[in-house]
Amino acid sequence: MNKRVFLAIWFLSILLGPITVLLSISKVPGPITTLLWVNIFQRAVALVAFVMIFWQIALGSNMQRWIEKYGAWVFKFHLTEGAIAYTLIFLHPLAFLLFNYMATKVFDPFYVYTGFCVICQTQTELFYSFGRVAFWMVSAAVLAAKLRTRPWWREYWRKIHILNYLVFIFVAVHSFFVGTDSHSFPFVIFYFFSVPIVLYIIVWKLLVFFKPASMVNS
């Protein structure tokens, strides 16, 4: 698989989110209001971010092998996509904040960003909390990666950056139970393709981590 083939596959996977949202909106009767446009944006960036997080894990989990097989451009792509992914992740709750303000005339950033609950009033609120936890975990992971070249942090940054694996799981649960886009065609195809792969990578990483040193060095 060369660079062009990979980028074509990546780009097509990115398009699945916006296409799914547009197909859903096309079924809504009446004109598209400003509030609905904000909702479209919020949903589209969320699905694109989900796809990018998957690719971040797929590449980052075995970066050295990707570089050896396809070249140094993979690492540069990984960094660039990571920056774009976090921008979209940042915009998603921001759009939710704007949506709530336009719908209720109440500006409440604390609800959007810190309204965590375990025993929640509704099931939806519980899965909103999954999204909130994922947002702060990915923020910590991005900060850890940003500081990776600092002498005092080189030894530890990977331990925090590994939160990306948990981020994907939390986002997968959040997206599946809060809305309908992740189990709507065509995005549902990617959803049920990506989740098992990431779970496999996590299990593989855990097995390597807990493998006795004698077996690793043999």
N, C-alpha and C. Protein backbone atom coordinates (compact mmCIF):
# COMPACT_ATOMS: atom_id res chain seq x y z
N MET A 1 0.85 -1.20 0.00
CA MET A 1 0.00 0.00 0.00
C MET A 1 0.88 1.25 0.00
N ASN A 2 0.80 2.07 -1.04
CA ASN A 2 1.61 3.27 -1.10
C ASN A 2 0.88 4.46 -0.45
N LYS A 3 1.56 5.60 -0.48
CA LYS A 3 1.04 6.79 0.18
C LYS A 3 -0.31 7.22 -0.38
N ARG A 4 -0.45 7.20 -1.71
CA ARG A 4 -1.70 7.64 -2.33
C ARG A 4 -2.87 6.75 -1.96
N VAL A 5 -2.63 5.45 -1.92
CA VAL A 5 -3.69 4.51 -1.56
C VAL A 5 -4.13 4.74 -0.12
N PHE A 6 -3.15 4.88 0.77
CA PHE A 6 -3.47 5.13 2.18
C PHE A 6 -4.28 6.40 2.34
N LEU A 7 -3.82 7.49 1.72
CA LEU A 7 -4.52 8.77 1.85
C LEU A 7 -5.92 8.71 1.26
N ALA A 8 -6.10 7.93 0.19
CA ALA A 8 -7.43 7.76 -0.40
C ALA A 8 -8.36 7.05 0.58
N ILE A 9 -7.86 5.98 1.20
CA ILE A 9 -8.66 5.25 2.20
C ILE A 9 -8.98 6.15 3.37
N TRP A 10 -7.97 6.89 3.84
CA TRP A 10 -8.17 7.81 4.97
C TRP A 10 -9.23 8.87 4.63
N PHE A 11 -9.12 9.45 3.45
CA PHE A 11 -10.05 10.52 3.06
C PHE A 11 -11.48 10.00 2.93
N LEU A 12 -11.63 8.82 2.35
CA LEU A 12 -12.97 8.23 2.21
C LEU A 12 -13.58 7.95 3.58
N SER A 13 -12.75 7.49 4.53
CA SER A 13 -13.26 7.23 5.88
C SER A 13 -13.69 8.53 6.56
N ILE A 14 -12.96 9.61 6.28
CA ILE A 14 -13.31 10.92 6.84
C ILE A 14 -14.66 11.40 6.32
N LEU A 15 -14.94 11.12 5.04
CA LEU A 15 -16.18 11.59 4.42
C LEU A 15 -17.43 10.89 4.97
N LEU A 16 -17.26 9.72 5.55
CA LEU A 16 -18.41 8.94 6.03
C LEU A 16 -19.25 9.71 7.05
N GLY A 17 -18.57 10.46 7.94
CA GLY A 17 -19.29 11.22 8.96
C GLY A 17 -20.19 12.30 8.38
N PRO A 18 -19.62 13.25 7.63
CA PRO A 18 -20.47 14.30 7.04
C PRO A 18 -21.57 13.75 6.14
N ILE A 19 -21.28 12.69 5.39
CA ILE A 19 -22.30 12.10 4.52
C ILE A 19 -23.45 11.55 5.36
N THR A 20 -23.13 10.88 6.46
CA THR A 20 -24.16 10.33 7.34
C THR A 20 -25.04 11.43 7.91
N VAL A 21 -24.43 12.52 8.35
CA VAL A 21 -25.19 13.64 8.92
C VAL A 21 -26.09 14.27 7.87
N LEU A 22 -25.56 14.47 6.67
CA LEU A 22 -26.35 15.09 5.60
C LEU A 22 -27.52 14.22 5.18
N LEU A 23 -27.31 12.91 5.15
CA LEU A 23 -28.41 11.99 4.83
C LEU A 23 -29.49 12.06 5.89
N SER A 24 -29.07 12.19 7.15
CA SER A 24 -30.04 12.30 8.24
C SER A 24 -30.82 13.60 8.15
N ILE A 25 -30.13 14.69 7.87
CA ILE A 25 -30.78 16.00 7.80
C ILE A 25 -31.73 16.09 6.60
N SER A 26 -31.40 15.38 5.54
CA SER A 26 -32.25 15.42 4.34
C SER A 26 -33.65 14.89 4.61
N LYS A 27 -33.80 14.13 5.67
CA LYS A 27 -35.11 13.56 6.02
C LYS A 27 -35.93 14.50 6.91
N VAL A 28 -35.31 15.60 7.36
CA VAL A 28 -36.00 16.54 8.24
C VAL A 28 -36.88 17.46 7.40
N PRO A 29 -38.18 17.52 7.68
CA PRO A 29 -39.06 18.39 6.89
C PRO A 29 -38.83 19.86 7.24
N GLY A 30 -39.11 20.72 6.28
CA GLY A 30 -39.01 22.15 6.52
C GLY A 30 -37.62 22.70 6.27
N PRO A 31 -37.46 24.02 6.42
CA PRO A 31 -36.17 24.67 6.14
C PRO A 31 -35.14 24.37 7.23
N ILE A 32 -33.88 24.51 6.88
CA ILE A 32 -32.80 24.31 7.85
C ILE A 32 -32.58 25.62 8.59
N THR A 33 -32.83 25.61 9.88
CA THR A 33 -32.67 26.80 10.71
C THR A 33 -31.22 26.97 11.14
N THR A 34 -30.92 28.13 11.72
CA THR A 34 -29.57 28.38 12.24
C THR A 34 -29.22 27.38 13.33
N LEU A 35 -30.19 27.08 14.17
CA LEU A 35 -29.98 26.10 15.24
C LEU A 35 -29.63 24.74 14.67
N LEU A 36 -30.30 24.37 13.60
CA LEU A 36 -30.03 23.08 12.97
C LEU A 36 -28.66 23.06 12.32
N TRP A 37 -28.22 24.18 11.74
CA TRP A 37 -26.88 24.27 11.17
C TRP A 37 -25.81 24.04 12.24
N VAL A 38 -26.04 24.60 13.42
CA VAL A 38 -25.09 24.39 14.53
C VAL A 38 -25.07 22.91 14.91
N ASN A 39 -26.24 22.30 14.93
CA ASN A 39 -26.33 20.87 15.25
C ASN A 39 -25.63 20.01 14.19
N ILE A 40 -25.79 20.40 12.93
CA ILE A 40 -25.12 19.68 11.82
C ILE A 40 -23.60 19.76 12.01
N PHE A 41 -23.12 20.96 12.29
CA PHE A 41 -21.68 21.15 12.49
C PHE A 41 -21.17 20.33 13.67
N GLN A 42 -21.90 20.38 14.77
CA GLN A 42 -21.51 19.65 15.99
C GLN A 42 -21.40 18.16 15.72
N ARG A 43 -22.39 17.62 15.02
CA ARG A 43 -22.40 16.18 14.74
C ARG A 43 -21.32 15.79 13.73
N ALA A 44 -21.13 16.61 12.71
CA ALA A 44 -20.15 16.29 11.66
C ALA A 44 -18.72 16.28 12.21
N VAL A 45 -18.38 17.31 13.00
CA VAL A 45 -17.02 17.36 13.53
C VAL A 45 -16.77 16.22 14.52
N ALA A 46 -17.83 15.81 15.22
CA ALA A 46 -17.68 14.69 16.16
C ALA A 46 -17.35 13.40 15.43
N LEU A 47 -18.04 13.13 14.33
CA LEU A 47 -17.81 11.90 13.58
C LEU A 47 -16.44 11.91 12.90
N VAL A 48 -16.05 13.06 12.36
CA VAL A 48 -14.73 13.16 11.74
C VAL A 48 -13.64 12.97 12.80
N ALA A 49 -13.84 13.55 13.98
CA ALA A 49 -12.87 13.38 15.06
C ALA A 49 -12.77 11.92 15.48
N PHE A 50 -13.90 11.22 15.52
CA PHE A 50 -13.90 9.80 15.87
C PHE A 50 -13.03 9.01 14.90
N VAL A 51 -13.19 9.28 13.61
CA VAL A 51 -12.39 8.60 12.59
C VAL A 51 -10.91 8.91 12.78
N MET A 52 -10.60 10.18 13.04
CA MET A 52 -9.20 10.57 13.21
C MET A 52 -8.57 9.95 14.45
N ILE A 53 -9.33 9.83 15.53
CA ILE A 53 -8.80 9.17 16.73
C ILE A 53 -8.46 7.72 16.41
N PHE A 54 -9.32 7.08 15.62
CA PHE A 54 -9.03 5.70 15.22
C PHE A 54 -7.70 5.62 14.48
N TRP A 55 -7.51 6.51 13.49
CA TRP A 55 -6.26 6.48 12.72
C TRP A 55 -5.06 6.84 13.59
N GLN A 56 -5.25 7.73 14.55
CA GLN A 56 -4.18 8.05 15.48
C GLN A 56 -3.71 6.80 16.23
N ILE A 57 -4.66 6.00 16.67
CA ILE A 57 -4.33 4.78 17.40
C ILE A 57 -3.74 3.72 16.47
N ALA A 58 -4.36 3.56 15.30
CA ALA A 58 -3.89 2.55 14.35
C ALA A 58 -2.44 2.82 13.93
N LEU A 59 -2.10 4.09 13.73
CA LEU A 59 -0.73 4.43 13.35
C LEU A 59 0.20 4.48 14.56
N GLY A 60 -0.24 5.17 15.60
CA GLY A 60 0.62 5.39 16.76
C GLY A 60 0.97 4.14 17.53
N SER A 61 0.10 3.13 17.49
CA SER A 61 0.34 1.91 18.26
C SER A 61 1.53 1.10 17.74
N ASN A 62 1.89 1.32 16.47
CA ASN A 62 3.02 0.58 15.88
C ASN A 62 3.75 1.48 14.88
N MET A 63 4.07 2.69 15.34
CA MET A 63 4.60 3.71 14.45
C MET A 63 5.89 3.29 13.77
N GLN A 64 6.80 2.66 14.52
CA GLN A 64 8.09 2.30 13.95
C GLN A 64 7.94 1.39 12.73
N ARG A 65 7.01 0.45 12.85
CA ARG A 65 6.79 -0.48 11.73
C ARG A 65 6.20 0.23 10.53
N TRP A 66 5.28 1.17 10.76
CA TRP A 66 4.71 1.96 9.66
C TRP A 66 5.80 2.76 8.95
N ILE A 67 6.69 3.37 9.74
CA ILE A 67 7.76 4.18 9.16
C ILE A 67 8.70 3.31 8.34
N GLU A 68 9.07 2.16 8.89
CA GLU A 68 9.98 1.26 8.18
C GLU A 68 9.39 0.77 6.86
N LYS A 69 8.07 0.59 6.86
CA LYS A 69 7.42 0.03 5.67
C LYS A 69 7.06 1.10 4.64
N TYR A 70 6.63 2.29 5.10
CA TYR A 70 6.09 3.28 4.16
C TYR A 70 6.85 4.61 4.14
N GLY A 71 7.72 4.84 5.12
CA GLY A 71 8.51 6.06 5.08
C GLY A 71 8.20 7.03 6.21
N ALA A 72 9.05 8.05 6.34
CA ALA A 72 8.94 9.02 7.44
C ALA A 72 7.69 9.89 7.35
N TRP A 73 7.07 9.97 6.15
CA TRP A 73 5.88 10.80 5.99
C TRP A 73 4.75 10.36 6.92
N VAL A 74 4.75 9.08 7.30
CA VAL A 74 3.70 8.56 8.18
C VAL A 74 3.71 9.29 9.52
N PHE A 75 4.91 9.49 10.06
CA PHE A 75 5.02 10.17 11.36
C PHE A 75 4.56 11.63 11.24
N LYS A 76 4.95 12.31 10.17
CA LYS A 76 4.53 13.70 9.95
C LYS A 76 3.01 13.77 9.80
N PHE A 77 2.46 12.81 9.06
CA PHE A 77 1.02 12.75 8.89
C PHE A 77 0.33 12.55 10.23
N HIS A 78 0.88 11.66 11.05
CA HIS A 78 0.34 11.36 12.38
C HIS A 78 0.28 12.62 13.23
N LEU A 79 1.33 13.42 13.21
CA LEU A 79 1.37 14.65 14.00
C LEU A 79 0.36 15.68 13.49
N THR A 80 0.31 15.83 12.17
CA THR A 80 -0.62 16.80 11.57
C THR A 80 -2.07 16.41 11.83
N GLU A 81 -2.38 15.13 11.62
CA GLU A 81 -3.74 14.67 11.85
C GLU A 81 -4.12 14.79 13.32
N GLY A 82 -3.16 14.54 14.21
CA GLY A 82 -3.42 14.67 15.64
C GLY A 82 -3.82 16.09 16.01
N ALA A 83 -3.14 17.07 15.42
CA ALA A 83 -3.47 18.48 15.69
C ALA A 83 -4.87 18.81 15.17
N ILE A 84 -5.20 18.31 13.97
CA ILE A 84 -6.54 18.56 13.40
C ILE A 84 -7.60 17.86 14.24
N ALA A 85 -7.32 16.64 14.66
CA ALA A 85 -8.28 15.87 15.45
C ALA A 85 -8.61 16.59 16.76
N TYR A 86 -7.58 17.11 17.43
CA TYR A 86 -7.84 17.80 18.70
C TYR A 86 -8.62 19.09 18.47
N THR A 87 -8.35 19.77 17.37
CA THR A 87 -9.11 20.98 17.04
C THR A 87 -10.59 20.65 16.90
N LEU A 88 -10.89 19.55 16.23
CA LEU A 88 -12.29 19.13 16.05
C LEU A 88 -12.90 18.70 17.39
N ILE A 89 -12.11 18.00 18.19
CA ILE A 89 -12.59 17.59 19.52
C ILE A 89 -12.91 18.82 20.37
N PHE A 90 -12.07 19.84 20.26
CA PHE A 90 -12.30 21.09 20.99
C PHE A 90 -13.56 21.79 20.50
N LEU A 91 -13.79 21.76 19.19
CA LEU A 91 -14.95 22.45 18.61
C LEU A 91 -16.27 21.76 18.92
N HIS A 92 -16.24 20.45 19.13
CA HIS A 92 -17.49 19.70 19.36
C HIS A 92 -18.24 20.19 20.60
N PRO A 93 -17.64 20.22 21.79
CA PRO A 93 -18.38 20.73 22.95
C PRO A 93 -18.65 22.23 22.85
N LEU A 94 -17.78 22.96 22.13
CA LEU A 94 -18.01 24.39 21.94
C LEU A 94 -19.29 24.61 21.14
N ALA A 95 -19.49 23.78 20.10
CA ALA A 95 -20.72 23.85 19.31
C ALA A 95 -21.93 23.45 20.15
N PHE A 96 -21.74 22.46 21.04
CA PHE A 96 -22.81 22.04 21.95
C PHE A 96 -23.19 23.18 22.89
N LEU A 97 -22.18 23.90 23.36
CA LEU A 97 -22.42 25.06 24.22
C LEU A 97 -23.23 26.12 23.49
N LEU A 98 -22.86 26.39 22.24
CA LEU A 98 -23.58 27.36 21.43
C LEU A 98 -25.00 26.89 21.15
N PHE A 99 -25.15 25.60 20.84
CA PHE A 99 -26.47 25.03 20.57
C PHE A 99 -27.39 25.20 21.78
N ASN A 100 -26.89 24.87 22.96
CA ASN A 100 -27.70 24.99 24.18
C ASN A 100 -28.07 26.44 24.45
N TYR A 101 -27.13 27.36 24.19
CA TYR A 101 -27.42 28.77 24.42
C TYR A 101 -28.50 29.27 23.47
N MET A 102 -28.40 28.88 22.21
CA MET A 102 -29.39 29.31 21.22
C MET A 102 -30.76 28.70 21.50
N ALA A 103 -30.77 27.47 22.03
CA ALA A 103 -32.03 26.78 22.26
C ALA A 103 -32.70 27.21 23.56
N THR A 104 -31.90 27.53 24.60
CA THR A 104 -32.47 27.80 25.93
C THR A 104 -32.21 29.23 26.43
N LYS A 105 -31.32 29.97 25.73
CA LYS A 105 -30.89 31.31 26.16
C LYS A 105 -30.15 31.27 27.50
N VAL A 106 -29.60 30.11 27.83
CA VAL A 106 -28.81 29.96 29.05
C VAL A 106 -27.38 29.59 28.66
N PHE A 107 -26.41 30.39 29.12
CA PHE A 107 -25.00 30.12 28.83
C PHE A 107 -24.40 29.39 30.02
N ASP A 108 -24.11 28.10 29.84
CA ASP A 108 -23.66 27.28 30.96
C ASP A 108 -22.48 26.39 30.55
N PRO A 109 -21.27 26.96 30.49
CA PRO A 109 -20.10 26.15 30.12
C PRO A 109 -19.77 25.07 31.14
N PHE A 110 -20.14 25.30 32.42
CA PHE A 110 -19.85 24.30 33.45
C PHE A 110 -20.63 23.00 33.19
N TYR A 111 -21.85 23.12 32.70
CA TYR A 111 -22.63 21.93 32.36
C TYR A 111 -21.98 21.17 31.22
N VAL A 112 -21.54 21.88 30.20
CA VAL A 112 -20.96 21.25 29.01
C VAL A 112 -19.63 20.56 29.33
N TYR A 113 -18.77 21.24 30.09
CA TYR A 113 -17.41 20.74 30.28
C TYR A 113 -17.18 19.98 31.58
N THR A 114 -17.95 20.27 32.61
CA THR A 114 -17.67 19.66 33.92
C THR A 114 -18.89 19.05 34.59
N GLY A 115 -19.97 18.88 33.85
CA GLY A 115 -21.18 18.33 34.45
C GLY A 115 -21.15 16.81 34.58
N PHE A 116 -20.13 16.30 35.27
CA PHE A 116 -19.96 14.85 35.38
C PHE A 116 -20.99 14.26 36.34
N CYS A 117 -21.40 13.05 36.04
CA CYS A 117 -22.24 12.31 36.98
C CYS A 117 -22.05 10.81 36.74
N VAL A 118 -22.20 10.04 37.80
CA VAL A 118 -22.16 8.58 37.71
C VAL A 118 -23.56 8.02 37.91
N ILE A 119 -24.22 8.50 38.96
CA ILE A 119 -25.63 8.19 39.16
C ILE A 119 -26.40 9.39 38.62
N CYS A 120 -26.80 9.30 37.37
CA CYS A 120 -27.38 10.44 36.66
C CYS A 120 -28.90 10.37 36.64
N GLN A 121 -29.51 11.51 36.40
CA GLN A 121 -30.97 11.58 36.34
C GLN A 121 -31.52 10.84 35.12
N THR A 122 -30.78 10.89 34.03
CA THR A 122 -31.19 10.19 32.80
C THR A 122 -30.00 9.42 32.23
N GLN A 123 -30.30 8.44 31.39
CA GLN A 123 -29.25 7.66 30.73
C GLN A 123 -28.42 8.54 29.82
N THR A 124 -29.08 9.50 29.16
CA THR A 124 -28.36 10.41 28.26
C THR A 124 -27.30 11.20 29.00
N GLU A 125 -27.62 11.67 30.21
CA GLU A 125 -26.65 12.42 31.01
C GLU A 125 -25.44 11.57 31.37
N LEU A 126 -25.67 10.28 31.61
CA LEU A 126 -24.56 9.38 31.90
C LEU A 126 -23.59 9.32 30.72
N PHE A 127 -24.15 9.19 29.53
CA PHE A 127 -23.29 9.07 28.35
C PHE A 127 -22.72 10.41 27.90
N TYR A 128 -23.35 11.53 28.29
CA TYR A 128 -22.71 12.82 28.15
C TYR A 128 -21.43 12.86 28.99
N SER A 129 -21.49 12.26 30.17
CA SER A 129 -20.33 12.24 31.06
C SER A 129 -19.17 11.47 30.44
N PHE A 130 -19.48 10.41 29.69
CA PHE A 130 -18.43 9.69 28.98
C PHE A 130 -17.69 10.64 28.02
N GLY A 131 -18.45 11.48 27.35
CA GLY A 131 -17.86 12.45 26.43
C GLY A 131 -17.03 13.49 27.15
N ARG A 132 -17.51 13.94 28.31
CA ARG A 132 -16.76 14.94 29.08
C ARG A 132 -15.44 14.37 29.58
N VAL A 133 -15.47 13.15 30.11
CA VAL A 133 -14.25 12.50 30.57
C VAL A 133 -13.27 12.33 29.41
N ALA A 134 -13.78 11.92 28.25
CA ALA A 134 -12.94 11.73 27.07
C ALA A 134 -12.28 13.04 26.66
N PHE A 135 -13.02 14.14 26.74
CA PHE A 135 -12.47 15.45 26.36
C PHE A 135 -11.27 15.81 27.23
N TRP A 136 -11.40 15.64 28.53
CA TRP A 136 -10.30 16.00 29.42
C TRP A 136 -9.14 15.01 29.33
N MET A 137 -9.44 13.75 29.06
CA MET A 137 -8.35 12.77 28.89
C MET A 137 -7.55 13.07 27.63
N VAL A 138 -8.24 13.37 26.54
CA VAL A 138 -7.51 13.65 25.30
C VAL A 138 -6.74 14.96 25.42
N SER A 139 -7.26 15.92 26.18
CA SER A 139 -6.54 17.17 26.41
C SER A 139 -5.24 16.89 27.16
N ALA A 140 -5.30 15.99 28.16
CA ALA A 140 -4.09 15.61 28.90
C ALA A 140 -3.11 14.88 27.99
N ALA A 141 -3.62 14.01 27.12
CA ALA A 141 -2.76 13.25 26.21
C ALA A 141 -2.07 14.18 25.21
N VAL A 142 -2.80 15.16 24.70
CA VAL A 142 -2.23 16.12 23.74
C VAL A 142 -1.17 16.98 24.41
N LEU A 143 -1.45 17.43 25.64
CA LEU A 143 -0.48 18.23 26.37
C LEU A 143 0.80 17.42 26.63
N ALA A 144 0.62 16.15 26.97
CA ALA A 144 1.79 15.28 27.20
C ALA A 144 2.64 15.16 25.95
N ALA A 145 1.98 15.00 24.80
CA ALA A 145 2.71 14.89 23.53
C ALA A 145 3.40 16.21 23.18
N LYS A 146 2.74 17.31 23.49
CA LYS A 146 3.31 18.63 23.18
C LYS A 146 4.59 18.88 23.97
N LEU A 147 4.65 18.35 25.17
CA LEU A 147 5.81 18.56 26.04
C LEU A 147 6.85 17.46 25.95
N ARG A 148 6.69 16.56 24.98
CA ARG A 148 7.53 15.36 24.95
C ARG A 148 9.01 15.64 24.76
N THR A 149 9.37 16.80 24.20
CA THR A 149 10.78 17.10 23.95
C THR A 149 11.47 17.75 25.17
N ARG A 150 10.68 18.10 26.19
CA ARG A 150 11.28 18.70 27.38
C ARG A 150 12.07 17.64 28.15
N PRO A 151 13.28 17.96 28.56
CA PRO A 151 14.13 16.97 29.25
C PRO A 151 13.46 16.32 30.46
N TRP A 152 12.72 17.10 31.24
CA TRP A 152 12.11 16.60 32.46
C TRP A 152 10.85 15.76 32.18
N TRP A 153 10.42 15.71 30.90
CA TRP A 153 9.17 15.03 30.58
C TRP A 153 9.36 13.85 29.63
N ARG A 154 10.53 13.74 29.00
CA ARG A 154 10.76 12.70 28.00
C ARG A 154 10.48 11.30 28.52
N GLU A 155 10.77 11.10 29.79
CA GLU A 155 10.65 9.77 30.37
C GLU A 155 9.21 9.38 30.68
N TYR A 156 8.31 10.38 30.78
CA TYR A 156 6.97 10.12 31.29
C TYR A 156 5.84 10.36 30.30
N TRP A 157 6.09 11.09 29.19
CA TRP A 157 4.99 11.57 28.36
C TRP A 157 4.17 10.44 27.76
N ARG A 158 4.83 9.32 27.41
CA ARG A 158 4.09 8.21 26.80
C ARG A 158 3.06 7.61 27.75
N LYS A 159 3.35 7.65 29.06
CA LYS A 159 2.43 7.09 30.05
C LYS A 159 1.11 7.86 30.08
N ILE A 160 1.19 9.17 29.81
CA ILE A 160 -0.03 9.99 29.75
C ILE A 160 -0.65 9.92 28.37
N HIS A 161 0.19 9.92 27.34
CA HIS A 161 -0.30 9.91 25.96
C HIS A 161 -1.10 8.64 25.65
N ILE A 162 -0.84 7.58 26.41
CA ILE A 162 -1.53 6.31 26.20
C ILE A 162 -3.02 6.42 26.53
N LEU A 163 -3.41 7.52 27.16
CA LEU A 163 -4.82 7.77 27.45
C LEU A 163 -5.67 7.77 26.18
N ASN A 164 -5.04 7.99 25.02
CA ASN A 164 -5.78 7.99 23.76
C ASN A 164 -6.58 6.71 23.55
N TYR A 165 -6.06 5.59 24.05
CA TYR A 165 -6.77 4.33 23.91
C TYR A 165 -8.09 4.37 24.68
N LEU A 166 -8.03 4.88 25.90
CA LEU A 166 -9.24 5.02 26.70
C LEU A 166 -10.18 6.06 26.10
N VAL A 167 -9.60 7.11 25.54
CA VAL A 167 -10.40 8.16 24.91
C VAL A 167 -11.29 7.55 23.82
N PHE A 168 -10.70 6.70 22.98
CA PHE A 168 -11.48 6.11 21.90
C PHE A 168 -12.65 5.30 22.44
N ILE A 169 -12.42 4.51 23.48
CA ILE A 169 -13.48 3.69 24.06
C ILE A 169 -14.59 4.57 24.63
N PHE A 170 -14.20 5.60 25.37
CA PHE A 170 -15.19 6.50 25.96
C PHE A 170 -15.98 7.23 24.87
N VAL A 171 -15.28 7.67 23.83
CA VAL A 171 -15.96 8.36 22.72
C VAL A 171 -16.89 7.41 21.98
N ALA A 172 -16.47 6.16 21.80
CA ALA A 172 -17.31 5.17 21.12
C ALA A 172 -18.60 4.94 21.88
N VAL A 173 -18.51 4.82 23.21
CA VAL A 173 -19.70 4.64 24.04
C VAL A 173 -20.57 5.89 23.99
N HIS A 174 -19.94 7.06 24.15
CA HIS A 174 -20.64 8.34 24.13
C HIS A 174 -21.42 8.52 22.83
N SER A 175 -20.76 8.29 21.71
CA SER A 175 -21.39 8.54 20.41
C SER A 175 -22.51 7.56 20.12
N PHE A 176 -22.34 6.32 20.55
CA PHE A 176 -23.34 5.30 20.23
C PHE A 176 -24.63 5.50 21.01
N PHE A 177 -24.52 5.96 22.27
CA PHE A 177 -25.71 6.04 23.12
C PHE A 177 -26.32 7.44 23.21
N VAL A 178 -25.59 8.47 22.77
CA VAL A 178 -26.15 9.82 22.83
C VAL A 178 -26.95 10.14 21.57
N GLY A 179 -26.41 9.82 20.43
CA GLY A 179 -27.09 10.16 19.17
C GLY A 179 -27.41 8.93 18.35
N THR A 180 -27.71 9.18 17.08
CA THR A 180 -28.05 8.07 16.17
C THR A 180 -27.06 7.97 15.01
N ASP A 181 -26.19 8.94 14.85
CA ASP A 181 -25.30 8.97 13.68
C ASP A 181 -24.33 7.80 13.64
N SER A 182 -23.83 7.38 14.80
CA SER A 182 -22.82 6.31 14.81
C SER A 182 -23.42 4.96 14.46
N HIS A 183 -24.74 4.82 14.55
CA HIS A 183 -25.36 3.57 14.09
C HIS A 183 -26.32 3.82 12.93
N SER A 184 -25.97 4.84 12.13
CA SER A 184 -26.71 5.13 10.90
C SER A 184 -25.79 4.89 9.70
N PHE A 185 -26.37 4.50 8.58
CA PHE A 185 -25.59 4.26 7.36
C PHE A 185 -25.17 5.59 6.75
N PRO A 186 -23.93 5.72 6.26
CA PRO A 186 -22.91 4.67 6.12
C PRO A 186 -21.90 4.60 7.27
N PHE A 187 -22.01 5.54 8.25
CA PHE A 187 -20.98 5.60 9.29
C PHE A 187 -20.96 4.34 10.15
N VAL A 188 -22.09 3.69 10.30
CA VAL A 188 -22.16 2.48 11.13
C VAL A 188 -21.17 1.42 10.65
N ILE A 189 -20.89 1.40 9.35
CA ILE A 189 -19.92 0.44 8.80
C ILE A 189 -18.54 0.69 9.41
N PHE A 190 -18.13 1.96 9.42
CA PHE A 190 -16.83 2.29 9.99
C PHE A 190 -16.82 2.06 11.50
N TYR A 191 -17.93 2.39 12.16
CA TYR A 191 -18.00 2.25 13.62
C TYR A 191 -17.72 0.81 14.04
N PHE A 192 -18.43 -0.13 13.41
CA PHE A 192 -18.27 -1.53 13.80
C PHE A 192 -17.03 -2.18 13.19
N PHE A 193 -16.36 -1.46 12.31
CA PHE A 193 -15.06 -1.88 11.81
C PHE A 193 -13.95 -1.42 12.76
N SER A 194 -14.07 -0.19 13.24
CA SER A 194 -12.99 0.43 14.02
C SER A 194 -12.95 -0.04 15.48
N VAL A 195 -14.10 -0.20 16.10
CA VAL A 195 -14.12 -0.55 17.52
C VAL A 195 -13.42 -1.89 17.81
N PRO A 196 -13.73 -2.97 17.09
CA PRO A 196 -13.00 -4.23 17.34
C PRO A 196 -11.49 -4.11 17.10
N ILE A 197 -11.09 -3.32 16.11
CA ILE A 197 -9.66 -3.16 15.83
C ILE A 197 -8.96 -2.48 17.00
N VAL A 198 -9.56 -1.43 17.52
CA VAL A 198 -8.95 -0.73 18.65
C VAL A 198 -8.94 -1.63 19.89
N LEU A 199 -9.99 -2.38 20.11
CA LEU A 199 -10.02 -3.32 21.24
C LEU A 199 -8.90 -4.36 21.09
N TYR A 200 -8.69 -4.84 19.86
CA TYR A 200 -7.60 -5.78 19.59
C TYR A 200 -6.25 -5.14 19.91
N ILE A 201 -6.05 -3.90 19.48
CA ILE A 201 -4.79 -3.20 19.74
C ILE A 201 -4.56 -3.04 21.24
N ILE A 202 -5.62 -2.70 21.97
CA ILE A 202 -5.51 -2.53 23.43
C ILE A 202 -5.10 -3.84 24.09
N VAL A 203 -5.75 -4.94 23.71
CA VAL A 203 -5.43 -6.25 24.28
C VAL A 203 -3.98 -6.62 23.94
N TRP A 204 -3.58 -6.38 22.70
CA TRP A 204 -2.21 -6.67 22.26
C TRP A 204 -1.20 -5.86 23.07
N LYS A 205 -1.49 -4.58 23.28
CA LYS A 205 -0.60 -3.73 24.07
C LYS A 205 -0.50 -4.22 25.51
N LEU A 206 -1.61 -4.63 26.08
CA LEU A 206 -1.62 -5.12 27.46
C LEU A 206 -0.82 -6.42 27.58
N LEU A 207 -0.97 -7.30 26.59
CA LEU A 207 -0.22 -8.56 26.61
C LEU A 207 1.28 -8.30 26.53
N VAL A 208 1.67 -7.35 25.68
CA VAL A 208 3.09 -7.00 25.56
C VAL A 208 3.59 -6.38 26.86
N PHE A 209 2.77 -5.52 27.46
CA PHE A 209 3.18 -4.83 28.69
C PHE A 209 3.39 -5.80 29.85
N PHE A 210 2.47 -6.78 29.96
CA PHE A 210 2.55 -7.71 31.09
C PHE A 210 3.36 -8.97 30.78
N LYS A 211 3.90 -9.04 29.57
CA LYS A 211 4.71 -10.19 29.20
C LYS A 211 6.00 -10.20 30.01
N PRO A 212 6.41 -11.34 30.57
CA PRO A 212 7.65 -11.38 31.34
C PRO A 212 8.84 -10.92 30.50
N ALA A 213 9.77 -10.21 31.13
CA ALA A 213 10.94 -9.66 30.42
C ALA A 213 11.75 -10.74 29.74
N SER A 214 11.82 -11.92 30.33
CA SER A 214 12.58 -13.02 29.74
C SER A 214 12.02 -13.46 28.41
N MET A 215 10.67 -13.38 28.28
CA MET A 215 10.01 -13.76 27.03
C MET A 215 10.17 -12.67 25.98
N VAL A 216 10.18 -11.40 26.42
CA VAL A 216 10.33 -10.29 25.49
C VAL A 216 11.72 -10.29 24.87
N ASN A 217 12.73 -10.61 25.69
CA ASN A 217 14.11 -10.56 25.23
C ASN A 217 14.57 -11.83 24.52
N SER A 218 13.75 -12.87 24.57
CA SER A 218 14.16 -14.14 23.97
C SER A 218 13.98 -14.11 22.46
